[in-house]
N, C-alpha and C. Protein backbone atom coordinates (compact mmCIF):
# COMPACT_ATOMS: atom_id res chain seq x y z
N MET A 1 -8.90 9.93 -6.47
CA MET A 1 -9.62 9.38 -5.22
C MET A 1 -10.50 10.98 -4.36
N TYR A 2 -11.86 10.92 -4.03
CA TYR A 2 -12.47 11.89 -3.18
C TYR A 2 -11.89 12.52 -2.17
N VAL A 3 -11.12 13.46 -1.99
CA VAL A 3 -10.53 13.71 -0.46
C VAL A 3 -10.93 15.10 0.12
N PRO A 4 -11.73 14.92 1.05
CA PRO A 4 -12.09 16.24 1.52
C PRO A 4 -11.28 17.09 2.45
N LYS A 5 -11.21 18.43 2.39
CA LYS A 5 -9.91 18.91 3.28
C LYS A 5 -9.49 18.27 4.03
N HIS A 6 -10.62 18.38 5.28
CA HIS A 6 -9.74 17.47 6.95
C HIS A 6 -9.71 16.42 6.75
N ASN A 7 -9.32 15.63 6.05
CA ASN A 7 -9.09 14.51 5.65
C ASN A 7 -7.66 14.30 5.21
N GLN A 8 -7.02 15.56 4.15
CA GLN A 8 -6.08 15.48 3.90
C GLN A 8 -4.72 15.45 4.49
N ILE A 9 -3.63 14.68 3.76
CA ILE A 9 -2.54 14.91 4.88
C ILE A 9 -1.32 15.13 3.43
N GLU A 10 -0.53 16.15 3.69
CA GLU A 10 0.79 16.46 2.84
C GLU A 10 1.74 16.01 3.83
N ASP A 11 1.99 15.54 4.65
CA ASP A 11 3.10 15.16 5.29
C ASP A 11 3.38 13.84 4.65
N ARG A 12 4.52 14.07 3.68
CA ARG A 12 5.81 13.38 2.88
C ARG A 12 5.62 12.03 3.80
N ALA A 13 6.72 12.43 5.09
CA ALA A 13 7.43 11.05 5.68
C ALA A 13 6.53 9.82 6.10
N ALA A 14 5.20 10.72 6.63
CA ALA A 14 4.37 10.18 7.05
C ALA A 14 3.73 9.36 6.01
N LEU A 15 3.12 9.48 4.68
CA LEU A 15 2.44 8.95 4.02
C LEU A 15 3.70 7.96 3.55
N LEU A 16 5.06 7.89 3.64
CA LEU A 16 5.64 6.58 3.46
C LEU A 16 5.86 5.87 4.36
N ALA A 17 5.92 6.24 5.39
CA ALA A 17 5.99 5.23 6.56
C ALA A 17 4.55 4.37 6.84
N TYR A 18 3.76 5.31 6.35
CA TYR A 18 2.64 4.70 6.01
C TYR A 18 2.39 3.32 4.61
N MET A 19 2.65 3.59 3.39
CA MET A 19 3.09 2.88 2.56
C MET A 19 4.57 1.57 2.94
N ARG A 20 5.27 1.68 3.46
CA ARG A 20 5.92 0.65 4.17
C ARG A 20 5.34 0.09 4.62
N ALA A 21 4.30 0.35 6.20
CA ALA A 21 3.56 -0.01 6.90
C ALA A 21 2.61 -1.20 6.23
N TYR A 22 1.95 -1.03 5.51
CA TYR A 22 1.01 -1.27 4.82
C TYR A 22 1.80 -1.64 3.36
N SER A 23 2.42 -2.51 3.22
CA SER A 23 3.34 -2.59 1.79
C SER A 23 2.27 -3.23 0.87
N PHE A 24 1.16 -4.32 1.14
CA PHE A 24 0.79 -5.40 0.22
C PHE A 24 -0.20 -4.64 -0.19
N ALA A 25 -0.06 -4.39 -1.82
CA ALA A 25 -0.84 -3.22 -2.17
C ALA A 25 -1.80 -3.50 -3.49
N ALA A 26 -2.90 -2.91 -4.22
CA ALA A 26 -3.16 -3.22 -5.54
C ALA A 26 -2.29 -2.44 -6.40
N LEU A 27 -2.11 -3.17 -7.27
CA LEU A 27 -1.75 -2.60 -8.72
C LEU A 27 -2.81 -2.73 -9.96
N THR A 28 -3.11 -1.70 -10.59
CA THR A 28 -4.30 -1.72 -11.23
C THR A 28 -4.07 -0.81 -12.56
N THR A 29 -4.34 -1.74 -13.51
CA THR A 29 -3.88 -0.89 -15.02
C THR A 29 -5.05 -0.89 -15.95
N ALA A 30 -5.12 0.15 -17.11
CA ALA A 30 -6.08 -0.43 -18.08
C ALA A 30 -5.40 -0.42 -19.26
N GLY A 31 -6.29 -1.63 -19.85
CA GLY A 31 -5.01 -2.08 -21.43
C GLY A 31 -5.99 -2.38 -21.98
N ALA A 32 -6.04 -3.12 -23.20
CA ALA A 32 -6.47 -3.39 -24.69
C ALA A 32 -7.56 -4.68 -23.45
N GLY A 33 -7.68 -5.06 -22.72
CA GLY A 33 -8.58 -6.21 -22.08
C GLY A 33 -9.66 -5.16 -21.03
N GLY A 34 -9.28 -3.80 -20.73
CA GLY A 34 -9.94 -3.50 -19.93
C GLY A 34 -8.93 -3.31 -18.43
N LEU A 35 -9.99 -3.15 -17.38
CA LEU A 35 -8.96 -2.78 -16.10
C LEU A 35 -8.93 -3.88 -15.54
N MET A 36 -7.11 -4.27 -14.50
CA MET A 36 -7.01 -5.20 -14.16
C MET A 36 -6.63 -4.82 -12.91
N ALA A 37 -6.27 -5.75 -12.00
CA ALA A 37 -5.52 -5.56 -10.85
C ALA A 37 -4.87 -6.59 -10.21
N THR A 38 -4.17 -6.45 -9.59
CA THR A 38 -3.10 -7.66 -8.98
C THR A 38 -2.57 -7.37 -7.81
N HIS A 39 -2.66 -8.10 -6.47
CA HIS A 39 -2.43 -7.76 -5.44
C HIS A 39 -0.68 -8.38 -4.84
N LEU A 40 -0.21 -7.09 -4.48
CA LEU A 40 1.29 -7.71 -4.59
C LEU A 40 1.88 -6.98 -3.45
N PRO A 41 3.02 -7.53 -2.82
CA PRO A 41 3.71 -6.95 -2.02
C PRO A 41 4.79 -5.57 -2.68
N PHE A 42 5.03 -4.52 -2.14
CA PHE A 42 6.17 -3.73 -2.40
C PHE A 42 6.87 -3.42 -2.17
N VAL A 43 8.34 -2.95 -2.11
CA VAL A 43 9.48 -2.29 -1.59
C VAL A 43 9.05 -0.74 -2.17
N ILE A 44 9.16 0.34 -0.81
CA ILE A 44 8.92 1.57 -0.87
C ILE A 44 10.28 2.28 -1.05
N GLU A 45 10.77 3.03 -2.15
CA GLU A 45 12.21 3.73 -2.05
C GLU A 45 11.62 4.78 -2.13
N GLU A 46 13.08 5.61 -1.32
CA GLU A 46 13.14 6.97 -1.55
C GLU A 46 14.06 7.80 -1.87
N ALA A 47 14.31 8.60 -2.95
CA ALA A 47 15.58 9.29 -2.88
C ALA A 47 15.52 10.81 -3.48
N SER A 48 15.74 11.54 -3.29
CA SER A 48 16.40 13.00 -4.05
C SER A 48 15.00 13.30 -3.92
N GLY A 49 14.14 12.73 -3.11
CA GLY A 49 12.58 13.31 -3.61
C GLY A 49 11.86 12.44 -4.40
N GLN A 50 12.07 11.57 -4.91
CA GLN A 50 11.97 10.49 -6.06
C GLN A 50 10.96 9.53 -5.20
N THR A 51 9.70 8.92 -4.82
CA THR A 51 9.39 7.80 -4.48
C THR A 51 9.11 6.97 -6.02
N THR A 52 9.70 5.54 -5.16
CA THR A 52 9.76 4.57 -6.21
C THR A 52 8.97 3.27 -5.67
N LEU A 53 8.33 2.47 -6.25
CA LEU A 53 7.71 1.54 -5.84
C LEU A 53 8.24 0.36 -6.97
N LEU A 54 8.70 -0.66 -6.12
CA LEU A 54 9.49 -1.81 -6.95
C LEU A 54 8.45 -2.95 -6.01
N ALA A 55 8.37 -3.98 -7.43
CA ALA A 55 7.75 -5.33 -7.28
C ALA A 55 7.30 -6.22 -8.26
N HIS A 56 6.92 -7.26 -8.31
CA HIS A 56 7.05 -8.54 -9.74
C HIS A 56 5.78 -9.07 -9.65
N MET A 57 5.21 -9.83 -10.33
CA MET A 57 4.07 -10.43 -10.40
C MET A 57 4.27 -11.90 -11.56
N ALA A 58 3.61 -12.53 -11.64
CA ALA A 58 3.89 -14.05 -12.80
C ALA A 58 3.76 -13.76 -14.12
N ARG A 59 4.99 -13.79 -14.83
CA ARG A 59 5.03 -13.63 -15.95
C ARG A 59 3.20 -14.27 -17.13
N ALA A 60 2.85 -15.33 -16.03
CA ALA A 60 1.57 -15.62 -17.18
C ALA A 60 0.48 -15.25 -16.85
N ASN A 61 0.79 -14.22 -15.79
CA ASN A 61 0.08 -13.01 -15.42
C ASN A 61 -0.37 -11.86 -16.71
N PRO A 62 -1.48 -11.69 -17.71
CA PRO A 62 -1.15 -10.73 -18.53
C PRO A 62 -1.39 -9.19 -18.24
N GLN A 63 -1.20 -8.77 -17.03
CA GLN A 63 -1.49 -7.80 -17.09
C GLN A 63 -0.23 -6.54 -17.32
N TRP A 64 1.28 -7.62 -17.12
CA TRP A 64 2.48 -6.57 -17.39
C TRP A 64 2.49 -6.33 -18.93
N ARG A 65 1.33 -6.72 -19.46
CA ARG A 65 1.52 -6.27 -20.99
C ARG A 65 1.00 -5.03 -21.14
N ASP A 66 0.03 -4.70 -19.98
CA ASP A 66 -0.61 -3.23 -19.82
C ASP A 66 0.62 -1.96 -20.12
N PHE A 67 1.89 -2.16 -19.51
CA PHE A 67 2.87 -1.49 -18.53
C PHE A 67 2.99 -0.61 -20.01
N ALA A 68 3.40 -1.17 -21.00
CA ALA A 68 3.96 -0.57 -22.09
C ALA A 68 3.28 0.53 -22.72
N ASP A 69 1.87 0.36 -23.24
CA ASP A 69 0.89 1.05 -24.00
C ASP A 69 -0.06 1.71 -23.33
N GLY A 70 -0.25 1.23 -21.60
CA GLY A 70 -1.60 1.77 -20.81
C GLY A 70 -0.97 3.18 -20.58
N PRO A 71 -2.26 3.58 -20.33
CA PRO A 71 -1.76 5.06 -19.39
C PRO A 71 -1.18 4.74 -17.75
N ASP A 72 -0.93 5.84 -17.14
CA ASP A 72 -0.44 5.55 -15.88
C ASP A 72 -1.55 4.49 -15.02
N ALA A 73 -0.78 3.68 -14.27
CA ALA A 73 -1.20 2.67 -13.16
C ALA A 73 -1.48 3.03 -12.35
N LEU A 74 -1.98 2.57 -10.90
CA LEU A 74 -2.41 2.97 -9.87
C LEU A 74 -2.52 2.08 -9.26
N VAL A 75 -1.66 2.34 -8.09
CA VAL A 75 -1.47 1.18 -6.76
C VAL A 75 -2.11 1.76 -5.50
N ILE A 76 -2.94 0.86 -4.78
CA ILE A 76 -3.64 1.20 -3.86
C ILE A 76 -3.22 0.62 -2.73
N PHE A 77 -2.58 1.55 -1.57
CA PHE A 77 -2.63 0.86 -0.52
C PHE A 77 -4.43 1.08 0.12
N MET A 78 -4.14 0.20 1.35
CA MET A 78 -5.36 0.17 2.19
C MET A 78 -5.65 -0.37 3.18
N GLN A 79 -5.02 0.06 4.19
CA GLN A 79 -5.22 -0.21 5.15
C GLN A 79 -4.98 0.53 6.18
N PRO A 80 -5.75 0.55 7.80
CA PRO A 80 -6.14 -0.29 8.09
C PRO A 80 -7.66 0.29 8.38
N HIS A 81 -8.73 -0.53 8.70
CA HIS A 81 -10.06 0.13 8.29
C HIS A 81 -11.07 -0.24 9.64
N ALA A 82 -12.12 0.98 10.18
CA ALA A 82 -13.11 0.02 11.06
C ALA A 82 -14.10 0.64 11.19
N TYR A 83 -15.40 -0.27 11.47
CA TYR A 83 -16.98 -0.21 11.54
C TYR A 83 -16.95 1.33 12.78
N VAL A 84 -17.43 2.76 12.22
CA VAL A 84 -17.74 3.28 13.58
C VAL A 84 -19.17 3.11 13.50
N SER A 85 -19.81 3.03 14.81
CA SER A 85 -21.10 3.11 15.17
C SER A 85 -21.56 4.52 15.67
N PRO A 86 -22.58 5.25 15.43
CA PRO A 86 -23.12 5.86 15.47
C PRO A 86 -23.65 6.50 17.42
N ARG A 87 -23.53 5.35 17.69
CA ARG A 87 -24.15 5.19 19.60
C ARG A 87 -22.73 5.98 19.77
N LEU A 88 -21.20 6.20 19.69
CA LEU A 88 -20.30 6.66 19.66
C LEU A 88 -20.28 8.24 19.87
N TYR A 89 -21.24 8.99 19.17
CA TYR A 89 -21.17 10.12 18.87
C TYR A 89 -21.57 11.14 20.32
N ASP A 90 -22.03 12.17 20.21
CA ASP A 90 -23.04 12.94 21.36
C ASP A 90 -24.28 13.05 21.03
N GLY A 91 -25.01 13.33 20.01
CA GLY A 91 -26.30 13.41 19.52
C GLY A 91 -26.78 11.66 18.50
N ARG A 92 -28.02 11.93 19.08
CA ARG A 92 -28.77 10.54 18.39
C ARG A 92 -28.73 10.64 16.97
N GLN A 93 -28.90 12.24 16.36
CA GLN A 93 -29.30 11.81 15.21
C GLN A 93 -28.10 11.66 14.37
N ASN A 94 -27.50 10.81 14.06
CA ASN A 94 -26.18 10.21 13.56
C ASN A 94 -26.44 8.78 12.84
N VAL A 95 -25.45 8.87 11.88
CA VAL A 95 -25.82 7.74 10.93
C VAL A 95 -24.15 7.22 11.69
N PRO A 96 -24.39 5.42 10.86
CA PRO A 96 -22.90 4.83 10.88
C PRO A 96 -21.97 5.28 10.14
N THR A 97 -20.68 5.17 9.80
CA THR A 97 -19.65 5.17 9.32
C THR A 97 -18.29 4.37 9.22
N TRP A 98 -17.33 4.53 8.67
CA TRP A 98 -16.20 3.96 8.61
C TRP A 98 -15.23 4.53 8.66
N ASN A 99 -14.45 4.43 9.22
CA ASN A 99 -12.76 4.90 9.52
C ASN A 99 -11.99 4.27 8.58
N TYR A 100 -10.86 4.88 7.74
CA TYR A 100 -9.98 4.31 7.12
C TYR A 100 -8.77 4.91 6.77
N VAL A 101 -7.80 4.45 6.16
CA VAL A 101 -6.84 5.44 5.44
C VAL A 101 -6.30 4.58 4.02
N ALA A 102 -6.48 5.51 2.91
CA ALA A 102 -5.86 4.42 1.81
C ALA A 102 -5.39 5.95 0.80
N VAL A 103 -4.32 5.14 0.15
CA VAL A 103 -2.84 6.05 -0.33
C VAL A 103 -3.16 5.18 -1.70
N HIS A 104 -3.34 6.73 -2.30
CA HIS A 104 -3.56 6.24 -4.06
C HIS A 104 -1.83 6.78 -4.78
N ALA A 105 -1.11 5.87 -5.12
CA ALA A 105 0.00 6.46 -6.14
C ALA A 105 0.06 5.55 -7.38
N TYR A 106 0.15 6.87 -8.24
CA TYR A 106 -0.08 6.88 -9.91
C TYR A 106 1.52 6.66 -10.22
N GLY A 107 1.78 6.21 -11.42
CA GLY A 107 2.89 6.49 -12.51
C GLY A 107 2.76 4.98 -13.05
N ARG A 108 3.98 4.86 -14.00
CA ARG A 108 3.95 4.36 -15.22
C ARG A 108 5.20 3.11 -14.99
N PRO A 109 4.79 2.16 -14.99
CA PRO A 109 5.70 0.68 -14.55
C PRO A 109 6.52 0.79 -15.86
N GLN A 110 7.55 0.65 -15.76
CA GLN A 110 8.55 -0.06 -16.29
C GLN A 110 9.48 -1.32 -15.88
N LEU A 111 9.45 -2.31 -17.07
CA LEU A 111 9.86 -3.84 -16.52
C LEU A 111 11.48 -3.32 -16.49
N ILE A 112 11.96 -4.22 -15.27
CA ILE A 112 13.30 -4.42 -14.79
C ILE A 112 13.68 -5.87 -15.37
N GLU A 113 15.11 -6.02 -16.40
CA GLU A 113 14.97 -6.85 -17.15
C GLU A 113 16.54 -7.34 -16.85
N GLU A 114 17.38 -6.71 -16.33
CA GLU A 114 18.63 -7.56 -15.90
C GLU A 114 19.10 -8.48 -15.02
N ARG A 115 19.54 -9.25 -14.95
CA ARG A 115 19.61 -10.75 -13.77
C ARG A 115 19.67 -9.47 -12.75
N ALA A 116 20.61 -9.46 -12.80
CA ALA A 116 21.40 -8.97 -11.06
C ALA A 116 20.40 -7.95 -10.61
N ASP A 117 19.83 -6.93 -11.85
CA ASP A 117 18.55 -5.87 -10.72
C ASP A 117 17.52 -6.99 -10.41
N LYS A 118 16.91 -8.04 -10.81
CA LYS A 118 16.16 -8.75 -10.46
C LYS A 118 15.81 -9.89 -9.32
N ILE A 119 17.45 -10.08 -9.09
CA ILE A 119 17.85 -10.48 -8.00
C ILE A 119 18.03 -9.87 -6.61
N GLU A 120 18.51 -8.44 -7.18
CA GLU A 120 18.54 -7.13 -6.22
C GLU A 120 16.98 -7.09 -5.53
N LEU A 121 15.93 -6.66 -6.43
CA LEU A 121 14.90 -6.90 -5.70
C LEU A 121 14.53 -7.94 -4.70
N GLN A 122 14.04 -8.80 -5.65
CA GLN A 122 14.14 -10.34 -4.64
C GLN A 122 14.73 -10.30 -3.00
N LYS A 123 15.74 -9.91 -3.15
CA LYS A 123 16.78 -9.41 -2.09
C LYS A 123 15.82 -8.69 -1.14
N LYS A 124 15.41 -7.28 -1.65
CA LYS A 124 15.00 -6.38 -0.83
C LYS A 124 13.49 -6.67 -0.33
N LEU A 125 12.90 -7.65 -1.42
CA LEU A 125 11.72 -7.83 -0.51
C LEU A 125 12.00 -8.60 0.39
N ILE A 126 12.83 -9.83 0.66
CA ILE A 126 13.28 -10.59 1.54
C ILE A 126 13.76 -9.94 2.88
N ARG A 127 14.49 -9.04 2.85
CA ARG A 127 14.99 -8.22 3.50
C ARG A 127 13.26 -7.48 4.58
N GLN A 128 13.02 -7.27 4.10
CA GLN A 128 11.77 -6.30 4.25
C GLN A 128 11.05 -7.19 4.90
N HIS A 129 10.93 -8.86 4.74
CA HIS A 129 9.94 -9.76 5.44
C HIS A 129 10.35 -11.32 6.01
N ASP A 130 11.82 -11.29 5.77
CA ASP A 130 11.64 -12.38 5.92
C ASP A 130 13.70 -12.67 6.36
N ALA A 131 14.92 -11.59 6.29
CA ALA A 131 16.00 -11.38 6.40
C ALA A 131 16.63 -12.86 6.83
N GLY A 132 16.17 -13.48 7.33
CA GLY A 132 16.87 -14.66 7.77
C GLY A 132 17.18 -15.94 6.36
N TYR A 133 16.37 -15.40 5.68
CA TYR A 133 16.35 -16.54 4.38
C TYR A 133 17.20 -16.24 3.33
N LEU A 134 18.20 -15.06 3.77
CA LEU A 134 18.84 -14.69 2.64
C LEU A 134 19.92 -15.68 2.52
N THR A 135 20.78 -15.97 3.68
CA THR A 135 21.40 -17.58 4.26
C THR A 135 21.01 -18.66 3.15
N GLN A 136 19.97 -18.70 3.02
CA GLN A 136 19.39 -19.90 2.45
C GLN A 136 19.26 -19.78 0.66
N LEU A 137 18.89 -17.86 0.47
CA LEU A 137 19.05 -17.95 -0.57
C LEU A 137 20.42 -18.26 -1.59
N ALA A 138 21.43 -17.64 -0.54
CA ALA A 138 22.63 -17.79 -1.25
C ALA A 138 23.05 -19.29 -1.50
N GLU A 139 22.18 -20.02 -0.80
CA GLU A 139 22.90 -21.25 -0.84
C GLU A 139 22.11 -22.12 -2.49
N LEU A 140 21.34 -21.23 -2.83
CA LEU A 140 20.26 -22.15 -3.96
C LEU A 140 21.52 -22.31 -5.49
N PRO A 141 21.41 -23.21 -6.12
CA PRO A 141 21.75 -23.38 -7.36
C PRO A 141 21.48 -21.94 -8.30
N ASP A 142 22.15 -21.63 -9.49
CA ASP A 142 22.06 -20.84 -10.16
C ASP A 142 20.97 -21.23 -10.92
N SER A 143 20.69 -22.51 -11.27
CA SER A 143 19.96 -23.31 -12.31
C SER A 143 18.52 -23.33 -11.45
N TYR A 144 18.41 -23.10 -10.71
CA TYR A 144 17.22 -22.96 -9.85
C TYR A 144 16.50 -21.33 -9.66
N ILE A 145 17.59 -20.59 -9.22
CA ILE A 145 17.40 -18.99 -9.80
C ILE A 145 17.15 -18.99 -10.51
N ASP A 146 17.32 -18.75 -11.62
CA ASP A 146 17.16 -18.57 -13.26
C ASP A 146 15.81 -19.08 -13.48
N ALA A 147 15.75 -20.33 -13.34
CA ALA A 147 14.26 -20.72 -13.47
C ALA A 147 13.17 -19.75 -12.54
N ARG A 148 13.44 -19.98 -11.65
CA ARG A 148 12.34 -18.93 -10.99
C ARG A 148 11.98 -17.65 -11.46
N LEU A 149 13.34 -16.60 -11.74
CA LEU A 149 13.31 -15.55 -12.32
C LEU A 149 12.52 -14.87 -13.72
N ALA A 150 12.62 -16.64 -14.39
CA ALA A 150 11.72 -16.68 -15.75
C ALA A 150 10.57 -16.64 -15.99
N ALA A 151 9.97 -16.95 -14.34
CA ALA A 151 8.79 -16.86 -14.07
C ALA A 151 7.92 -15.95 -13.87
N ILE A 152 9.08 -14.68 -13.80
CA ILE A 152 8.39 -13.68 -12.96
C ILE A 152 8.76 -12.49 -14.17
N VAL A 153 7.91 -11.56 -13.60
CA VAL A 153 8.33 -9.77 -14.37
C VAL A 153 8.41 -9.07 -12.87
N SER A 154 9.59 -8.31 -13.09
CA SER A 154 10.19 -7.57 -12.06
C SER A 154 9.63 -6.07 -12.68
N PHE A 155 9.21 -5.00 -12.30
CA PHE A 155 9.47 -3.75 -12.56
C PHE A 155 9.11 -3.03 -11.56
N SER A 156 9.32 -1.42 -11.98
CA SER A 156 9.62 -0.46 -10.73
C SER A 156 8.73 0.74 -11.14
N LEU A 157 7.98 1.42 -10.53
CA LEU A 157 7.01 2.87 -11.08
C LEU A 157 7.45 3.55 -9.89
N ALA A 158 7.93 4.62 -10.65
CA ALA A 158 8.15 5.70 -10.23
C ALA A 158 7.07 6.66 -9.93
N VAL A 159 6.95 7.13 -8.89
CA VAL A 159 5.67 7.90 -8.46
C VAL A 159 5.49 9.43 -8.77
N THR A 160 4.56 9.34 -9.92
CA THR A 160 4.16 11.23 -10.26
C THR A 160 3.17 11.89 -9.81
N ARG A 161 2.37 10.71 -8.46
CA ARG A 161 1.40 11.57 -7.85
C ARG A 161 0.57 10.64 -6.72
N ILE A 162 0.56 11.44 -5.82
CA ILE A 162 -0.12 10.18 -4.44
C ILE A 162 -1.08 11.20 -3.93
N ASP A 163 -2.29 10.46 -4.03
CA ASP A 163 -3.46 10.92 -2.89
C ASP A 163 -3.81 10.16 -1.89
N ALA A 164 -3.96 10.90 -1.10
CA ALA A 164 -4.51 10.22 0.43
C ALA A 164 -5.23 10.45 0.85
N ARG A 165 -6.22 9.69 1.51
CA ARG A 165 -7.18 9.93 2.43
C ARG A 165 -6.84 9.38 3.70
N TYR A 166 -7.08 10.28 5.01
CA TYR A 166 -7.20 9.82 6.25
C TYR A 166 -8.55 9.69 7.03
N LYS A 167 -9.24 9.15 6.50
CA LYS A 167 -10.78 9.48 7.11
C LYS A 167 -10.60 8.50 8.56
N LEU A 168 -10.59 9.83 9.58
CA LEU A 168 -10.36 9.16 11.06
C LEU A 168 -11.22 10.53 12.27
N SER A 169 -12.50 10.10 11.52
CA SER A 169 -13.12 11.31 12.52
C SER A 169 -12.58 12.72 12.82
N GLN A 170 -11.92 13.14 12.16
CA GLN A 170 -11.44 14.50 12.48
C GLN A 170 -12.71 15.63 12.16
N ASP A 171 -13.56 15.50 12.19
CA ASP A 171 -14.53 16.08 11.87
C ASP A 171 -15.54 16.20 13.25
N LYS A 172 -14.99 15.23 13.92
CA LYS A 172 -15.70 14.81 15.39
C LYS A 172 -14.98 15.77 16.57
N ASN A 173 -15.95 15.90 17.19
CA ASN A 173 -15.39 16.51 18.83
C ASN A 173 -14.09 15.63 19.45
N PRO A 174 -13.39 16.59 20.20
CA PRO A 174 -12.07 15.62 20.90
C PRO A 174 -12.62 14.64 21.90
N ALA A 175 -14.14 14.59 22.56
CA ALA A 175 -14.69 13.41 23.47
C ALA A 175 -14.98 12.84 22.99
N GLU A 176 -15.90 13.24 21.39
CA GLU A 176 -16.36 11.85 20.51
C GLU A 176 -15.16 10.99 19.66
N ARG A 177 -14.17 11.51 19.01
CA ARG A 177 -12.85 10.68 18.86
C ARG A 177 -12.25 9.93 19.57
N GLU A 178 -11.89 10.08 20.70
CA GLU A 178 -11.55 9.62 21.95
C GLU A 178 -12.59 8.17 22.51
N ARG A 179 -13.46 8.74 22.46
CA ARG A 179 -14.74 7.64 22.60
C ARG A 179 -14.54 6.37 21.39
N ILE A 180 -14.21 6.72 20.40
CA ILE A 180 -14.41 6.20 18.83
C ILE A 180 -13.08 5.23 19.11
N ALA A 181 -11.83 5.98 19.50
CA ALA A 181 -10.67 5.06 19.63
C ALA A 181 -11.23 4.03 20.83
N ARG A 182 -11.20 4.48 21.78
CA ARG A 182 -11.45 3.52 22.89
C ARG A 182 -11.96 2.18 22.76
N GLU A 183 -13.13 2.39 21.79
CA GLU A 183 -14.21 1.64 21.63
C GLU A 183 -13.10 0.58 20.22
N LEU A 184 -12.39 0.96 18.93
CA LEU A 184 -12.20 0.38 18.31
C LEU A 184 -10.67 -0.60 19.22
N GLU A 185 -10.03 0.01 20.13
CA GLU A 185 -8.76 -0.34 20.76
C GLU A 185 -9.08 -1.70 21.99
N ALA A 186 -10.95 -1.42 22.43
CA ALA A 186 -10.97 -2.33 23.36
C ALA A 186 -11.80 -3.88 22.65
N GLY A 187 -11.03 -4.02 21.53
CA GLY A 187 -11.47 -5.62 20.92
C GLY A 187 -10.76 -6.50 20.59
N GLU A 188 -10.88 -7.46 19.97
CA GLU A 188 -10.16 -8.36 19.60
C GLU A 188 -9.49 -8.17 18.38
N ASP A 189 -10.06 -6.90 17.47
CA ASP A 189 -9.94 -6.97 15.90
C ASP A 189 -8.65 -5.87 16.26
N SER A 190 -7.11 -6.20 15.44
CA SER A 190 -6.09 -6.07 15.26
C SER A 190 -6.18 -4.72 14.52
N VAL A 191 -7.18 -5.16 13.64
CA VAL A 191 -6.95 -3.80 12.17
C VAL A 191 -7.88 -2.65 12.88
N ALA A 192 -8.70 -2.92 13.73
CA ALA A 192 -9.78 -1.90 14.54
C ALA A 192 -8.71 -0.97 15.02
N ALA A 193 -7.80 -1.47 16.06
CA ALA A 193 -6.73 -1.03 16.65
C ALA A 193 -5.62 -0.53 16.07
N ASP A 194 -5.47 -0.76 15.28
CA ASP A 194 -4.41 -0.32 14.34
C ASP A 194 -4.83 1.64 13.76
N THR A 195 -6.54 0.82 13.46
CA THR A 195 -7.30 2.31 13.01
C THR A 195 -6.99 3.51 14.24
N ALA A 196 -7.36 2.82 15.52
CA ALA A 196 -7.48 4.00 16.89
C ALA A 196 -5.87 4.53 16.49
N ARG A 197 -4.97 3.88 16.40
CA ARG A 197 -3.67 4.39 16.89
C ARG A 197 -3.64 5.58 15.90
N LEU A 198 -3.71 5.43 14.67
CA LEU A 198 -3.93 6.11 13.61
C LEU A 198 -4.80 7.44 13.90
N MET A 199 -6.05 6.98 14.46
CA MET A 199 -6.59 7.89 15.02
C MET A 199 -5.93 9.50 15.72
N ARG A 200 -5.30 8.56 16.90
CA ARG A 200 -4.59 9.21 17.83
C ARG A 200 -3.39 9.96 17.23
N LYS A 201 -3.22 9.38 16.35
CA LYS A 201 -1.39 10.07 15.83
C LYS A 201 -2.07 11.52 14.74
N HIS A 202 -3.26 11.05 13.79
CA HIS A 202 -3.29 12.28 12.93
C HIS A 202 -4.71 13.14 13.26
N SER A 203 -5.51 12.77 13.97
CA SER A 203 -6.50 13.62 14.40
C SER A 203 -6.17 14.95 15.21
């Protein structure tokens, strides 16, 4: 990903917080059938400086067959974003643009095949999104759980490289940045408001 110097971010903790906040991402792979992408909810873990992404997809989805022989996969986290009008700049000789945050994580996916590990991954996803469901999950019969597990492919991805672009009007003067942030906050678009929040945090 092209990342101009003024859009770079090196803060690892901030990147992890971002990926966790916007954890529904696109897994892209290149295999014998060409490029493929699947949109998935991820669990993001960090231990001893190693970031690991965890997810699962339908077994009927052929993309998982790219894992063994293909090159590194790419997981794209891409939220939030917002249009920026040139009327918000000081000068009239300006053009429209788009503010956004994007993080690209690279690594080789590895299948998770042990039943206990697959169940633990599902519990991690549930804790992340709907912890109250864990009690109901525990009451489900093993036969039902096993049928569901058989229908999915679970995997982990040890991240070997991260590219991040925080394009948040850092190249504009403070008055312009404040004007843009207020404009994005003023509407009813929550995604634009999230963009403004990140502008204030990182610009």
